[in-house]
Amino acid sequence: MERGVRRPNVDVTEPSRRSFQYKADIPENNPCFEEMAMSLKCLDYNNYDRKACHLYQENYKLCRKFWDKVARDRSSRDLYPPLPPPNERESVRAEYNLDGERIVKG
């Protein structure tokens, strides 16, 4: 070992941080995955002209706001997980209006 150089004890068998996917890149974690993908595809196609993709971006923002409100409501009612898994999202979506407010039946 060179003088004055300390080498940390690193386990090279562990995957690096870069090998992990970003959470939003996984459809199970992101209920707005399709909206995000369409927005990014539009930006790529239009050379990242945001004005040309305004509707796609607005749709993605509305989707995120909706699911954020749903997750907050489910958390306040102690429902786990706050963001439902993909196979339950359609039934959960039917319980809320477009603004993310819960529809009280009864």
Protein backbone atom coordinates (compact mmCIF):
# COMPACT_ATOMS: atom_id res chain seq x y z
CA MET A 1 0.00 0.00 0.00
CA GLU A 2 1.22 3.44 -0.86
CA ARG A 3 2.32 5.67 1.90
CA GLY A 4 -0.28 8.15 3.10
CA VAL A 5 -3.11 6.64 1.05
CA ARG A 6 -5.88 4.93 2.97
CA ARG A 7 -8.07 2.59 1.03
CA PRO A 8 -11.50 1.93 2.47
CA ASN A 9 -12.61 -1.62 3.03
CA VAL A 10 -15.07 -1.94 0.14
CA ASP A 11 -16.98 -5.08 -0.72
CA VAL A 12 -16.88 -5.20 -4.52
CA THR A 13 -19.56 -7.90 -4.64
CA GLU A 14 -22.23 -5.37 -3.58
CA PRO A 15 -23.99 -3.64 -6.48
CA SER A 16 -23.23 0.02 -6.88
CA ARG A 17 -25.88 2.68 -6.27
CA ARG A 18 -26.03 3.40 -9.98
CA SER A 19 -27.24 -0.11 -10.71
CA PHE A 20 -30.51 0.53 -8.91
CA GLN A 21 -33.44 1.90 -10.84
CA TYR A 22 -34.92 5.24 -9.91
CA LYS A 23 -38.19 4.65 -8.05
CA ALA A 24 -40.29 6.54 -10.61
CA ASP A 25 -38.95 4.28 -13.37
CA ILE A 26 -40.81 1.30 -11.94
CA PRO A 27 -44.55 1.12 -12.77
CA GLU A 28 -45.31 -0.56 -9.43
CA ASN A 29 -44.06 2.55 -7.60
CA ASN A 30 -45.45 5.14 -9.98
CA PRO A 31 -49.18 5.11 -10.81
CA CYS A 32 -48.47 7.81 -13.40
CA PHE A 33 -45.78 5.83 -15.19
CA GLU A 34 -47.57 5.91 -18.55
CA GLU A 35 -48.20 9.65 -18.31
CA MET A 36 -44.55 10.22 -17.40
CA ALA A 37 -43.36 8.07 -20.30
CA MET A 38 -45.62 9.88 -22.78
CA SER A 39 -44.39 13.27 -21.53
CA LEU A 40 -40.75 12.25 -21.84
CA LYS A 41 -41.33 10.74 -25.27
CA CYS A 42 -42.98 13.96 -26.43
CA LEU A 43 -40.07 16.03 -25.12
CA ASP A 44 -37.59 13.75 -26.85
CA TYR A 45 -39.53 13.87 -30.12
CA ASN A 46 -39.86 17.67 -30.02
CA ASN A 47 -36.23 18.37 -29.10
CA TYR A 48 -37.20 19.24 -25.50
CA ASP A 49 -39.54 22.07 -26.47
CA ARG A 50 -41.74 22.29 -23.37
CA LYS A 51 -44.38 24.37 -25.11
CA ALA A 52 -44.98 21.60 -27.64
CA CYS A 53 -45.53 19.08 -24.84
CA HIS A 54 -47.53 21.25 -22.46
CA LEU A 55 -50.62 19.00 -22.52
CA TYR A 56 -48.61 15.86 -21.77
CA GLN A 57 -46.87 17.57 -18.88
CA GLU A 58 -50.13 18.97 -17.52
CA ASN A 59 -51.70 15.51 -17.69
CA TYR A 60 -48.75 14.07 -15.74
CA LYS A 61 -49.02 16.81 -13.09
CA LEU A 62 -52.75 16.18 -12.67
CA CYS A 63 -52.12 12.45 -12.32
CA ARG A 64 -49.47 13.04 -9.65
CA LYS A 65 -51.74 15.42 -7.73
CA PHE A 66 -54.58 12.89 -7.83
CA TRP A 67 -52.50 9.98 -6.52
CA ASP A 68 -50.77 12.18 -3.92
CA LYS A 69 -54.19 13.15 -2.52
CA VAL A 70 -55.30 9.52 -2.58
CA ALA A 71 -52.15 8.43 -0.72
CA ARG A 72 -52.62 11.17 1.90
CA ASP A 73 -56.27 10.19 2.39
CA ARG A 74 -55.42 6.50 2.73
CA SER A 75 -52.65 7.32 5.22
CA SER A 76 -55.03 9.42 7.31
CA ARG A 77 -57.41 6.44 7.41
CA ASP A 78 -54.53 4.09 8.34
CA LEU A 79 -54.84 2.09 5.12
CA TYR A 80 -51.64 0.36 4.10
CA PRO A 81 -50.00 0.82 1.68
CA PRO A 82 -50.94 4.46 1.07
CA LEU A 83 -50.35 3.98 -2.63
CA PRO A 84 -52.28 0.88 -3.69
CA PRO A 85 -50.59 -1.84 -5.75
CA PRO A 86 -51.25 -1.81 -9.51
CA ASN A 87 -53.88 -4.57 -9.38
CA GLU A 88 -56.02 -2.52 -6.93
CA ARG A 89 -55.67 0.92 -8.52
CA GLU A 90 -58.78 0.74 -10.71
CA SER A 91 -61.05 -0.06 -7.76
CA VAL A 92 -59.38 2.62 -5.63
CA ARG A 93 -59.69 5.14 -8.47
CA ALA A 94 -63.46 4.53 -8.50
CA GLU A 95 -63.64 5.66 -4.84
CA TYR A 96 -62.36 9.18 -5.66
CA ASN A 97 -63.45 12.02 -7.93
CA LEU A 98 -61.11 13.66 -10.44
CA ASP A 99 -59.81 16.08 -7.80
CA GLY A 100 -58.72 13.23 -5.54
CA GLU A 101 -61.54 13.78 -3.05
CA ARG A 102 -63.08 10.62 -1.63
CA ILE A 103 -66.64 9.89 -2.74
CA VAL A 104 -68.68 8.96 0.32
CA LYS A 105 -71.23 6.30 -0.55
CA GLY A 106 -74.21 5.67 1.57
